[in-house]
Amino acid sequence: MYSIPISDSRVRELITWYLQALQRAVDVVWENIEWNYVFSKIEKKIE
């Protein structure tokens, strides 16, 4: 794999747009997660 310097502003703009779209997708997923914790009651047995 070779590193190729890209100085075209269109490529930079595309990468910036992609990262913003990806971040928005992650934000949408996190906003729609419903966290429900159910702690079962532990009863002590008397012997």
N, C-alpha and C. Protein backbone atom coordinates (compact mmCIF):
# COMPACT_ATOMS: atom_id res chain seq x y z
N MET A 1 0.85 -1.16 0.00
CA MET A 1 0.00 0.00 0.00
C MET A 1 0.90 1.23 0.00
N TYR A 2 0.55 2.18 -0.83
CA TYR A 2 1.35 3.39 -0.94
C TYR A 2 0.52 4.60 -0.53
N SER A 3 1.15 5.50 0.14
CA SER A 3 0.49 6.75 0.53
C SER A 3 0.64 7.74 -0.62
N ILE A 4 -0.47 8.26 -1.08
CA ILE A 4 -0.44 9.22 -2.18
C ILE A 4 -1.00 10.54 -1.68
N PRO A 5 -0.19 11.59 -1.71
CA PRO A 5 -0.70 12.89 -1.24
C PRO A 5 -1.77 13.42 -2.19
N ILE A 6 -2.91 13.77 -1.64
CA ILE A 6 -3.99 14.31 -2.45
C ILE A 6 -4.26 15.73 -1.98
N SER A 7 -4.09 16.66 -2.85
CA SER A 7 -4.29 18.05 -2.46
C SER A 7 -5.53 18.65 -3.13
N ASP A 8 -6.31 17.82 -3.77
CA ASP A 8 -7.52 18.31 -4.42
C ASP A 8 -8.57 18.64 -3.36
N SER A 9 -9.11 19.84 -3.40
CA SER A 9 -10.08 20.27 -2.39
C SER A 9 -11.38 19.47 -2.48
N ARG A 10 -11.69 18.94 -3.67
CA ARG A 10 -12.91 18.14 -3.81
C ARG A 10 -12.83 16.84 -3.03
N VAL A 11 -11.64 16.24 -2.99
CA VAL A 11 -11.45 15.01 -2.24
C VAL A 11 -11.57 15.31 -0.75
N ARG A 12 -10.97 16.40 -0.31
CA ARG A 12 -11.05 16.80 1.09
C ARG A 12 -12.50 17.08 1.49
N GLU A 13 -13.25 17.72 0.59
CA GLU A 13 -14.65 18.01 0.84
C GLU A 13 -15.48 16.72 0.90
N LEU A 14 -15.18 15.78 0.03
CA LEU A 14 -15.88 14.50 0.03
C LEU A 14 -15.63 13.74 1.33
N ILE A 15 -14.39 13.72 1.78
CA ILE A 15 -14.05 13.03 3.03
C ILE A 15 -14.73 13.71 4.21
N THR A 16 -14.73 15.03 4.22
CA THR A 16 -15.40 15.77 5.29
C THR A 16 -16.89 15.47 5.29
N TRP A 17 -17.53 15.46 4.12
CA TRP A 17 -18.95 15.15 4.02
C TRP A 17 -19.22 13.74 4.52
N TYR A 18 -18.38 12.79 4.12
CA TYR A 18 -18.55 11.40 4.53
C TYR A 18 -18.46 11.26 6.05
N LEU A 19 -17.47 11.90 6.66
CA LEU A 19 -17.32 11.81 8.11
C LEU A 19 -18.52 12.43 8.83
N GLN A 20 -19.03 13.54 8.33
CA GLN A 20 -20.20 14.17 8.93
C GLN A 20 -21.43 13.28 8.80
N ALA A 21 -21.61 12.66 7.64
CA ALA A 21 -22.74 11.76 7.42
C ALA A 21 -22.63 10.53 8.33
N LEU A 22 -21.43 10.00 8.46
CA LEU A 22 -21.20 8.85 9.33
C LEU A 22 -21.49 9.21 10.79
N GLN A 23 -21.04 10.38 11.23
CA GLN A 23 -21.30 10.81 12.60
C GLN A 23 -22.78 10.99 12.84
N ARG A 24 -23.49 11.55 11.86
CA ARG A 24 -24.94 11.73 12.00
C ARG A 24 -25.64 10.38 12.11
N ALA A 25 -25.20 9.41 11.33
CA ALA A 25 -25.79 8.07 11.39
C ALA A 25 -25.58 7.45 12.78
N VAL A 26 -24.39 7.60 13.33
CA VAL A 26 -24.11 7.09 14.67
C VAL A 26 -24.98 7.81 15.70
N ASP A 27 -25.13 9.12 15.57
CA ASP A 27 -25.97 9.89 16.48
C ASP A 27 -27.42 9.42 16.43
N VAL A 28 -27.93 9.15 15.25
CA VAL A 28 -29.31 8.67 15.10
C VAL A 28 -29.48 7.33 15.80
N VAL A 29 -28.52 6.43 15.63
CA VAL A 29 -28.60 5.13 16.28
C VAL A 29 -28.60 5.29 17.80
N TRP A 30 -27.69 6.10 18.33
CA TRP A 30 -27.60 6.30 19.78
C TRP A 30 -28.86 6.95 20.33
N GLU A 31 -29.45 7.90 19.58
CA GLU A 31 -30.65 8.58 20.05
C GLU A 31 -31.84 7.62 20.11
N ASN A 32 -31.82 6.56 19.32
CA ASN A 32 -32.95 5.65 19.27
C ASN A 32 -32.77 4.39 20.10
N ILE A 33 -31.67 4.30 20.82
CA ILE A 33 -31.47 3.15 21.71
C ILE A 33 -32.24 3.41 23.00
N GLU A 34 -32.99 2.42 23.42
CA GLU A 34 -33.72 2.53 24.68
C GLU A 34 -33.05 1.58 25.67
N TRP A 35 -32.53 2.16 26.73
CA TRP A 35 -31.80 1.37 27.71
C TRP A 35 -32.76 0.95 28.81
N ASN A 36 -32.93 -0.34 28.99
CA ASN A 36 -33.77 -0.88 30.05
C ASN A 36 -32.94 -1.84 30.88
N TYR A 37 -32.81 -1.50 32.14
CA TYR A 37 -32.10 -2.38 33.05
C TYR A 37 -33.10 -3.03 33.99
N VAL A 38 -33.01 -4.32 34.10
CA VAL A 38 -33.86 -5.05 35.03
C VAL A 38 -32.94 -5.81 35.97
N PHE A 39 -33.02 -5.42 37.23
CA PHE A 39 -32.20 -6.09 38.23
C PHE A 39 -33.08 -7.07 38.97
N SER A 40 -32.74 -8.32 38.86
CA SER A 40 -33.54 -9.33 39.55
C SER A 40 -33.26 -9.25 41.04
N LYS A 41 -34.30 -9.46 41.82
CA LYS A 41 -34.18 -9.37 43.26
C LYS A 41 -33.55 -10.66 43.78
N ILE A 42 -32.51 -10.51 44.55
CA ILE A 42 -31.82 -11.67 45.11
C ILE A 42 -32.27 -11.79 46.57
N GLU A 43 -32.84 -12.93 46.87
CA GLU A 43 -33.32 -13.17 48.23
C GLU A 43 -32.37 -14.09 48.95
N LYS A 44 -32.10 -13.73 50.19
CA LYS A 44 -31.18 -14.53 50.99
C LYS A 44 -31.94 -15.73 51.55
N LYS A 45 -31.41 -16.90 51.37
CA LYS A 45 -32.04 -18.12 51.87
C LYS A 45 -31.61 -18.34 53.32
N ILE A 46 -32.58 -18.63 54.14
CA ILE A 46 -32.29 -18.92 55.54
C ILE A 46 -32.35 -20.43 55.70
N GLU A 47 -31.24 -20.97 56.16
CA GLU A 47 -31.17 -22.44 56.33
C GLU A 47 -31.13 -22.81 57.78
